[in-house]
Amino acid sequence: MQPRRTENGLRTTEISLQLIEHLVETDGATLGEVAAETDFAKSTIHNHLQTLAQYGYVIRENNRYRIGLKFYHLGDYARKQNAVYDIAKRMVTELADETELETDFTVEENGRTVSLYDVTNYSDTPSFLVDGRLFHMHSTASGKAILAEYPEPRVDEILDQWGLPAETDRTITDRDELLADLERVRERGYALNDEEAIEGLWAVSKVVKDPIGRVCGSLNVCGPTYIHTDERERTIVTSLEEKVAEFERRIAEQSPEGS
């Protein structure tokens, strides 16, 4: 991991955040391992980890540091602050029961997508859906559904910020090709992902808006590619469209003035 510098960022905060990310990526590490895998001095790492541990963000066990459960409580608090969380939870659960597939509601934060709520009961393999996991927008159905509704300057801003990295050999990595795909999303009203983010995974997604047309997020259904057929896709799309309509109706009832 290389230290990342921001023009106006506070260096101390940067280091702490990068160490937290490193512990997540490595599933925990010793002080020596962190020092060997970063460009920070061991004394600097020790001071930051000790401070993070003091406040409950990091736990030290058997000389290994790992992320503390305080992040779970903060994350749970953050998602429940989303204005449509309660509605999303209900809609995702109902859609999962109806389709018997993995289902989630995704929002965009800082140019990437994050699952606000998911149901993975119907998966017979370890799920890639994890509340709080970040994805690039160009490689997921949920991200493309949202991008298709954004104005061109915002789309350009996101693509400039994160690029078009290849997640699989089917990921769209050409900007013009992606823009053409977003146009197809607008025409048919929903987005598709055919192994573009994860090999063996297919997904369909439809955007959810509030009464004045602002994007709230996207409702998504995904499953293994071996179960995909055109007929099943049509059935899922119908269920998705009905659930999005109900979702938007409930948002309007919750906020009748669209505020």
Protein backbone atom coordinates (compact mmCIF):
# COMPACT_ATOMS: atom_id res chain seq x y z
CA MET A 1 0.00 0.00 0.00
CA GLN A 2 1.40 3.38 -1.01
CA PRO A 3 0.52 6.48 1.01
CA ARG A 4 -1.95 8.60 -0.91
CA ARG A 5 -1.63 12.35 -0.63
CA THR A 6 -4.45 14.84 -0.98
CA GLU A 7 -3.86 18.50 -1.63
CA ASN A 8 -5.68 19.77 1.44
CA GLY A 9 -6.06 16.60 3.52
CA LEU A 10 -4.69 16.38 7.03
CA ARG A 11 -1.80 13.91 6.92
CA THR A 12 -2.54 12.44 10.34
CA THR A 13 -6.10 11.64 9.37
CA GLU A 14 -4.93 10.19 6.06
CA ILE A 15 -2.56 7.79 7.77
CA SER A 16 -5.20 6.54 10.19
CA LEU A 17 -7.69 5.98 7.39
CA GLN A 18 -5.16 4.15 5.25
CA LEU A 19 -4.21 1.89 8.15
CA ILE A 20 -7.88 1.09 8.73
CA GLU A 21 -8.30 0.20 5.07
CA HIS A 22 -5.18 -1.95 5.21
CA LEU A 23 -6.52 -3.93 8.17
CA VAL A 24 -9.74 -4.53 6.27
CA GLU A 25 -7.90 -5.68 3.14
CA THR A 26 -5.64 -8.05 5.08
CA ASP A 27 -8.22 -9.32 7.61
CA GLY A 28 -5.96 -8.07 10.37
CA ALA A 29 -2.18 -7.91 10.75
CA THR A 30 0.65 -7.58 13.22
CA LEU A 31 2.54 -4.33 13.63
CA GLY A 32 5.48 -5.83 11.76
CA GLU A 33 3.29 -7.00 8.89
CA VAL A 34 1.72 -3.57 8.50
CA ALA A 35 5.16 -1.94 8.53
CA ALA A 36 6.44 -4.37 5.90
CA GLU A 37 3.48 -3.78 3.62
CA THR A 38 3.26 0.00 3.88
CA ASP A 39 5.64 2.93 3.60
CA PHE A 40 4.95 4.15 7.13
CA ALA A 41 7.48 3.98 9.95
CA LYS A 42 6.76 1.34 12.58
CA SER A 43 6.62 4.00 15.31
CA THR A 44 4.05 5.97 13.30
CA ILE A 45 1.94 2.88 12.73
CA HIS A 46 2.11 1.95 16.41
CA ASN A 47 0.98 5.40 17.54
CA HIS A 48 -1.95 5.47 15.15
CA LEU A 49 -3.10 1.93 15.94
CA GLN A 50 -2.87 2.59 19.67
CA THR A 51 -5.04 5.68 19.32
CA LEU A 52 -7.56 3.82 17.16
CA ALA A 53 -7.63 1.00 19.72
CA GLN A 54 -8.19 3.48 22.54
CA TYR A 55 -11.37 4.67 20.85
CA GLY A 56 -12.59 1.20 19.92
CA TYR A 57 -12.00 1.36 16.18
CA VAL A 58 -9.23 -1.25 16.28
CA ILE A 59 -8.84 -4.33 18.50
CA ARG A 60 -5.51 -5.90 19.44
CA GLU A 61 -5.51 -9.66 20.05
CA ASN A 62 -2.40 -11.86 20.27
CA ASN A 63 -0.29 -9.03 18.84
CA ARG A 64 -2.59 -8.76 15.81
CA TYR A 65 -4.71 -5.73 15.04
CA ARG A 66 -8.15 -6.02 13.49
CA ILE A 67 -11.12 -3.76 12.90
CA GLY A 68 -13.37 -3.29 15.94
CA LEU A 69 -17.14 -3.68 16.07
CA LYS A 70 -17.50 0.05 16.56
CA PHE A 71 -17.46 0.28 12.77
CA TYR A 72 -20.47 -2.05 12.67
CA HIS A 73 -22.44 0.24 14.95
CA LEU A 74 -21.43 3.32 12.95
CA GLY A 75 -22.29 1.62 9.66
CA ASP A 76 -25.66 0.47 10.98
CA TYR A 77 -26.35 3.99 12.16
CA ALA A 78 -25.30 5.46 8.81
CA ARG A 79 -27.54 3.24 6.70
CA LYS A 80 -30.54 3.85 8.97
CA GLN A 81 -30.07 7.58 8.45
CA ASN A 82 -30.90 7.08 4.77
CA ALA A 83 -34.37 8.49 4.21
CA VAL A 84 -35.66 5.39 2.40
CA TYR A 85 -33.96 2.69 4.49
CA ASP A 86 -37.12 1.32 6.08
CA ILE A 87 -38.92 1.17 2.74
CA ALA A 88 -35.88 -0.39 1.07
CA LYS A 89 -35.69 -3.10 3.72
CA ARG A 90 -39.30 -4.08 3.12
CA MET A 91 -39.11 -3.93 -0.67
CA VAL A 92 -35.88 -5.94 -0.83
CA THR A 93 -37.28 -8.63 1.46
CA GLU A 94 -40.50 -8.94 -0.53
CA LEU A 95 -38.70 -9.04 -3.88
CA ALA A 96 -36.26 -11.69 -2.61
CA ASP A 97 -39.15 -13.87 -1.44
CA GLU A 98 -40.90 -13.41 -4.77
CA THR A 99 -37.91 -14.16 -7.00
CA GLU A 100 -36.05 -16.51 -4.63
CA LEU A 101 -32.81 -14.80 -5.64
CA GLU A 102 -30.32 -12.47 -3.99
CA THR A 103 -31.79 -8.99 -3.82
CA ASP A 104 -30.53 -5.64 -2.59
CA PHE A 105 -31.04 -1.89 -2.66
CA THR A 106 -27.98 0.09 -3.68
CA VAL A 107 -27.11 3.78 -3.35
CA GLU A 108 -24.31 5.87 -4.82
CA GLU A 109 -21.76 7.44 -2.52
CA ASN A 110 -18.75 9.38 -3.78
CA GLY A 111 -18.95 7.85 -7.24
CA ARG A 112 -19.27 4.21 -6.22
CA THR A 113 -22.20 1.99 -5.25
CA VAL A 114 -22.83 0.54 -1.82
CA SER A 115 -25.51 -1.93 -0.74
CA LEU A 116 -27.84 -0.30 1.78
CA TYR A 117 -29.77 -3.49 2.51
CA ASP A 118 -29.60 -7.00 1.08
CA VAL A 119 -31.22 -10.41 1.39
CA THR A 120 -29.02 -13.38 0.55
CA ASN A 121 -31.10 -16.22 2.02
CA TYR A 122 -31.61 -17.80 -1.38
CA SER A 123 -27.93 -18.09 -2.29
CA ASP A 124 -26.37 -21.56 -2.07
CA THR A 125 -22.85 -20.09 -2.33
CA PRO A 126 -21.05 -17.34 -0.38
CA SER A 127 -22.66 -14.05 -1.36
CA PHE A 128 -20.78 -11.10 -2.81
CA LEU A 129 -23.49 -8.85 -1.37
CA VAL A 130 -22.29 -7.30 1.85
CA ASP A 131 -23.83 -4.18 3.34
CA GLY A 132 -21.24 -1.44 2.99
CA ARG A 133 -19.12 -3.06 0.28
CA LEU A 134 -18.17 -0.59 -2.44
CA PHE A 135 -18.34 -1.31 -6.18
CA HIS A 136 -17.37 0.61 -9.28
CA MET A 137 -20.47 1.83 -11.05
CA HIS A 138 -19.53 0.91 -14.62
CA SER A 139 -19.32 -2.82 -13.91
CA THR A 140 -22.55 -3.42 -11.99
CA ALA A 141 -26.20 -3.38 -13.03
CA SER A 142 -27.00 -1.22 -10.01
CA GLY A 143 -24.32 1.30 -10.93
CA LYS A 144 -25.33 1.47 -14.58
CA ALA A 145 -29.00 1.93 -13.64
CA ILE A 146 -28.02 4.95 -11.56
CA LEU A 147 -25.50 6.35 -14.05
CA ALA A 148 -28.14 6.21 -16.79
CA GLU A 149 -30.21 8.73 -14.82
CA TYR A 150 -27.39 11.11 -14.01
CA PRO A 151 -26.62 14.19 -16.12
CA GLU A 152 -23.62 13.88 -18.42
CA PRO A 153 -21.32 16.12 -16.31
CA ARG A 154 -21.87 13.92 -13.25
CA VAL A 155 -21.23 10.74 -15.25
CA ASP A 156 -17.99 12.24 -16.60
CA GLU A 157 -16.96 13.28 -13.10
CA ILE A 158 -17.44 9.74 -11.75
CA LEU A 159 -15.63 8.10 -14.66
CA ASP A 160 -12.77 10.58 -14.39
CA GLN A 161 -12.49 9.91 -10.67
CA TRP A 162 -12.57 6.10 -10.72
CA GLY A 163 -11.79 5.15 -14.30
CA LEU A 164 -13.09 1.97 -15.94
CA PRO A 165 -11.05 -0.83 -14.36
CA ALA A 166 -11.63 -4.37 -15.63
CA GLU A 167 -13.21 -6.56 -12.96
CA THR A 168 -13.55 -9.52 -15.36
CA ASP A 169 -12.82 -10.07 -19.04
CA ARG A 170 -16.42 -8.95 -19.74
CA THR A 171 -16.22 -5.59 -18.00
CA ILE A 172 -16.85 -2.58 -20.22
CA THR A 173 -13.60 -0.60 -20.15
CA ASP A 174 -14.21 1.78 -23.08
CA ARG A 175 -16.02 5.01 -22.23
CA ASP A 176 -17.91 5.28 -25.52
CA GLU A 177 -19.05 1.68 -25.19
CA LEU A 178 -20.26 2.35 -21.66
CA LEU A 179 -22.16 5.47 -22.73
CA ALA A 180 -23.84 3.43 -25.46
CA ASP A 181 -24.80 0.82 -22.88
CA LEU A 182 -26.25 3.53 -20.63
CA GLU A 183 -28.39 4.68 -23.55
CA ARG A 184 -29.73 1.12 -23.88
CA VAL A 185 -30.53 1.17 -20.17
CA ARG A 186 -32.61 4.32 -20.67
CA GLU A 187 -34.43 2.81 -23.63
CA ARG A 188 -35.47 -0.44 -21.93
CA GLY A 189 -35.85 1.00 -18.42
CA TYR A 190 -33.49 -1.33 -16.56
CA ALA A 191 -29.82 -2.30 -16.48
CA LEU A 192 -28.15 -5.67 -16.95
CA ASN A 193 -24.86 -7.10 -15.79
CA ASP A 194 -23.63 -10.30 -17.41
CA GLU A 195 -20.48 -11.34 -15.53
CA GLU A 196 -19.08 -7.80 -15.76
CA ALA A 197 -18.35 -7.46 -12.04
CA ILE A 198 -18.01 -11.07 -10.90
CA GLU A 199 -17.56 -14.17 -13.02
CA GLY A 200 -20.62 -16.40 -13.02
CA LEU A 201 -22.97 -13.67 -11.81
CA TRP A 202 -25.88 -12.12 -13.70
CA ALA A 203 -27.95 -9.18 -12.42
CA VAL A 204 -30.80 -6.87 -13.35
CA SER A 205 -31.43 -3.47 -11.78
CA LYS A 206 -33.94 -0.65 -11.94
CA VAL A 207 -33.53 2.83 -10.54
CA VAL A 208 -35.79 4.22 -7.79
CA LYS A 209 -36.70 7.92 -7.74
CA ASP A 210 -38.44 10.27 -5.35
CA PRO A 211 -41.53 12.32 -6.35
CA ILE A 212 -39.47 15.13 -7.90
CA GLY A 213 -37.28 12.79 -9.93
CA ARG A 214 -34.18 12.57 -7.76
CA VAL A 215 -32.40 9.23 -7.79
CA CYS A 216 -32.71 7.43 -4.45
CA GLY A 217 -30.85 4.31 -5.53
CA SER A 218 -31.52 1.10 -7.42
CA LEU A 219 -33.36 -2.13 -6.66
CA ASN A 220 -31.44 -5.18 -7.83
CA VAL A 221 -31.83 -8.92 -8.34
CA CYS A 222 -28.88 -11.20 -9.06
CA GLY A 223 -28.11 -14.86 -9.45
CA PRO A 224 -25.76 -17.36 -11.07
CA THR A 225 -25.56 -17.23 -14.86
CA TYR A 226 -26.47 -20.90 -15.19
CA ILE A 227 -30.07 -20.19 -14.12
CA HIS A 228 -30.50 -17.28 -16.55
CA THR A 229 -32.93 -17.60 -19.44
CA ASP A 230 -34.74 -14.95 -21.47
CA GLU A 231 -38.03 -16.08 -19.95
CA ARG A 232 -36.69 -15.83 -16.42
CA GLU A 233 -35.27 -12.39 -17.18
CA ARG A 234 -38.69 -11.18 -18.34
CA THR A 235 -40.32 -12.57 -15.19
CA ILE A 236 -37.75 -10.91 -12.94
CA VAL A 237 -38.04 -7.59 -14.79
CA THR A 238 -41.83 -7.65 -14.34
CA SER A 239 -41.46 -8.28 -10.60
CA LEU A 240 -38.78 -5.60 -10.39
CA GLU A 241 -40.91 -3.01 -12.19
CA GLU A 242 -43.88 -3.71 -9.92
CA LYS A 243 -41.77 -3.46 -6.79
CA VAL A 244 -40.09 -0.23 -7.92
CA ALA A 245 -43.52 1.29 -8.58
CA GLU A 246 -44.59 0.34 -5.06
CA PHE A 247 -41.28 1.61 -3.67
CA GLU A 248 -41.76 5.01 -5.31
CA ARG A 249 -45.38 5.18 -4.16
CA ARG A 250 -44.31 4.57 -0.57
CA ILE A 251 -41.60 7.24 -0.87
CA ALA A 252 -44.25 9.70 -2.07
CA GLU A 253 -46.50 8.80 0.87
CA GLN A 254 -43.61 9.23 3.27
CA SER A 255 -42.63 12.60 1.78
CA PRO A 256 -45.71 13.94 -0.03
CA GLU A 257 -44.04 17.24 -0.86
CA GLY A 258 -40.95 15.53 -2.33
CA SER A 259 -38.67 17.24 0.15
